[in-house]
Amino acid sequence: MTPLEFLIFMIGITAAAAAVEAGRRHRHMAALRRLAAERGMHFSAVDRFRLAPRVAQRLPVPGAAAVRVLDLLYGVERNNYRYIFATEYTTGVLRSKTGVRRVATFAEPRDPALAGGDIGELMFAPDGLSLVEQYRHLLSQVESAT
């Protein structure tokens, strides 16, 4: 195999892998959009409300770093705003860092004067479920509590 053939082969494999990943991400986002629509909520693929810094303070793991919030479902729940989202963060020090991705939820009062900067209780879905099932689990818990 010549270097040019090898280069073309590697570019083809990379393009195929990118296409598979884009398709997987598209299906995941479509499932979350449907789930949000079923529950009368909205969907955003990014952290449009800048929740990550507030969530980082409430994570149950001391020293969690690189906290990100993505795939956000949000809506109004009585006198509160409800947020359900995937959170990504790393734990550990130096070489033993581990990435974690879990779905969490919290509600905050619609009136900023009542909130006082506090986000309320941060609840996490069980770890063994798929991401979409984690969203469904939290939505059912929230609905049964209201």
Protein backbone atom coordinates (compact mmCIF):
# COMPACT_ATOMS: atom_id res chain seq x y z
CA MET A 1 0.00 0.00 0.00
CA THR A 2 1.45 3.32 -1.03
CA PRO A 3 1.47 6.29 1.39
CA LEU A 4 -1.21 8.02 -0.69
CA GLU A 5 -3.46 4.95 -0.59
CA PHE A 6 -2.91 4.69 3.18
CA LEU A 7 -3.80 8.38 3.60
CA ILE A 8 -7.00 7.97 1.58
CA PHE A 9 -7.89 4.85 3.57
CA MET A 10 -7.38 6.64 6.91
CA ILE A 11 -9.40 9.67 5.75
CA GLY A 12 -12.21 7.31 4.70
CA ILE A 13 -12.22 5.53 8.06
CA THR A 14 -12.22 8.86 9.91
CA ALA A 15 -15.11 10.16 7.78
CA ALA A 16 -17.10 6.97 8.35
CA ALA A 17 -16.55 7.16 12.13
CA ALA A 18 -17.60 10.83 12.14
CA ALA A 19 -20.76 9.99 10.19
CA VAL A 20 -21.68 7.18 12.59
CA GLU A 21 -21.14 9.47 15.60
CA ALA A 22 -23.18 12.29 14.01
CA GLY A 23 -26.04 9.85 13.34
CA ARG A 24 -25.92 8.53 16.91
CA ARG A 25 -25.96 12.07 18.34
CA HIS A 26 -28.84 13.07 16.04
CA ARG A 27 -30.94 10.07 17.18
CA HIS A 28 -30.16 10.85 20.84
CA MET A 29 -31.18 14.50 20.47
CA ALA A 30 -34.36 13.54 18.57
CA ALA A 31 -35.34 11.17 21.41
CA LEU A 32 -34.80 13.94 23.96
CA ARG A 33 -36.80 16.43 21.87
CA ARG A 34 -39.70 13.95 21.72
CA LEU A 35 -39.46 13.34 25.45
CA ALA A 36 -39.50 17.09 26.15
CA ALA A 37 -42.50 17.61 23.86
CA GLU A 38 -44.40 14.75 25.55
CA ARG A 39 -43.92 16.44 28.93
CA GLY A 40 -44.63 20.01 27.78
CA MET A 41 -41.00 21.05 28.19
CA HIS A 42 -38.36 22.56 25.93
CA PHE A 43 -35.03 21.09 24.78
CA SER A 44 -31.63 22.71 24.34
CA ALA A 45 -28.48 20.82 23.39
CA VAL A 46 -26.32 23.43 25.17
CA ASP A 47 -26.27 25.03 28.62
CA ARG A 48 -28.25 28.13 27.60
CA PHE A 49 -28.90 29.15 31.23
CA ARG A 50 -25.28 28.73 32.41
CA LEU A 51 -26.17 26.11 34.99
CA ALA A 52 -22.75 24.44 35.14
CA PRO A 53 -21.17 26.75 37.77
CA ARG A 54 -24.19 26.38 40.06
CA VAL A 55 -24.31 22.61 39.58
CA ALA A 56 -20.56 22.27 40.23
CA GLN A 57 -21.05 23.59 43.76
CA ARG A 58 -23.67 20.91 44.49
CA LEU A 59 -22.05 17.79 43.03
CA PRO A 60 -21.84 14.93 45.56
CA VAL A 61 -18.17 14.34 44.65
CA PRO A 62 -15.56 16.58 46.26
CA GLY A 63 -13.04 17.91 43.78
CA ALA A 64 -15.13 17.36 40.65
CA ALA A 65 -13.60 19.30 37.76
CA ALA A 66 -14.42 20.28 34.17
CA VAL A 67 -18.15 20.35 34.91
CA ARG A 68 -20.37 20.64 31.82
CA VAL A 69 -24.14 20.72 31.42
CA LEU A 70 -25.68 19.58 28.14
CA ASP A 71 -28.89 18.15 26.66
CA LEU A 72 -31.10 20.37 28.81
CA LEU A 73 -34.84 19.85 29.22
CA TYR A 74 -36.51 22.80 30.92
CA GLY A 75 -39.97 24.07 31.73
CA VAL A 76 -42.25 25.67 34.29
CA GLU A 77 -43.47 23.55 37.20
CA ARG A 78 -45.98 25.43 39.39
CA ASN A 79 -43.94 28.35 40.83
CA ASN A 80 -40.57 26.89 39.80
CA TYR A 81 -38.37 26.43 36.78
CA ARG A 82 -37.47 22.74 36.36
CA TYR A 83 -34.19 21.73 34.69
CA ILE A 84 -33.27 18.16 33.73
CA PHE A 85 -29.87 17.76 32.11
CA ALA A 86 -26.84 15.57 31.53
CA THR A 87 -23.85 16.63 33.56
CA GLU A 88 -20.29 15.65 32.72
CA TYR A 89 -17.38 16.03 35.10
CA THR A 90 -14.08 14.41 36.01
CA THR A 91 -13.05 12.99 39.35
CA GLY A 92 -9.66 11.97 40.66
CA VAL A 93 -6.24 13.50 40.71
CA LEU A 94 -3.56 13.47 38.04
CA ARG A 95 -3.35 10.12 36.26
CA SER A 96 -6.38 8.51 37.90
CA LYS A 97 -8.93 10.96 36.46
CA THR A 98 -12.26 9.42 35.53
CA GLY A 99 -15.01 10.97 33.40
CA VAL A 100 -18.57 10.76 34.71
CA ARG A 101 -21.79 11.49 32.81
CA ARG A 102 -25.10 11.40 34.67
CA VAL A 103 -28.52 12.96 34.36
CA ALA A 104 -29.63 15.30 37.14
CA THR A 105 -32.47 17.67 37.94
CA PHE A 106 -33.29 20.59 40.16
CA ALA A 107 -35.94 23.28 40.45
CA GLU A 108 -35.51 26.93 41.33
CA PRO A 109 -38.17 29.52 42.17
CA ARG A 110 -39.39 31.65 39.29
CA ASP A 111 -39.05 34.72 41.51
CA PRO A 112 -35.30 35.51 41.79
CA ALA A 113 -35.85 37.19 45.17
CA LEU A 114 -37.01 33.85 46.61
CA ALA A 115 -34.12 31.89 45.10
CA GLY A 116 -31.26 33.80 46.70
CA GLY A 117 -28.82 32.06 44.34
CA ASP A 118 -29.74 28.61 45.71
CA ILE A 119 -30.67 25.93 43.17
CA GLY A 120 -32.50 23.62 45.55
CA GLU A 121 -31.93 19.90 45.81
CA LEU A 122 -29.86 18.33 43.03
CA MET A 123 -31.22 14.83 42.30
CA PHE A 124 -29.41 12.26 40.16
CA ALA A 125 -30.87 9.38 38.17
CA PRO A 126 -29.66 5.83 38.91
CA ASP A 127 -26.30 5.13 37.31
CA GLY A 128 -27.09 1.82 35.57
CA LEU A 129 -29.66 3.18 33.09
CA SER A 130 -29.07 4.50 29.58
CA LEU A 131 -29.06 8.30 29.31
CA VAL A 132 -32.58 8.53 27.84
CA GLU A 133 -33.86 6.15 30.52
CA GLN A 134 -32.21 8.34 33.18
CA TYR A 135 -34.21 11.31 31.82
CA ARG A 136 -37.43 9.24 31.90
CA HIS A 137 -36.73 8.09 35.45
CA LEU A 138 -36.21 11.64 36.74
CA LEU A 139 -39.27 12.93 34.88
CA SER A 140 -41.45 10.24 36.44
CA GLN A 141 -40.03 11.01 39.91
CA VAL A 142 -40.68 14.72 39.46
CA GLU A 143 -44.24 14.09 38.23
CA SER A 144 -45.06 11.76 41.13
CA ALA A 145 -43.73 14.32 43.64
CA THR A 146 -45.97 17.11 42.29
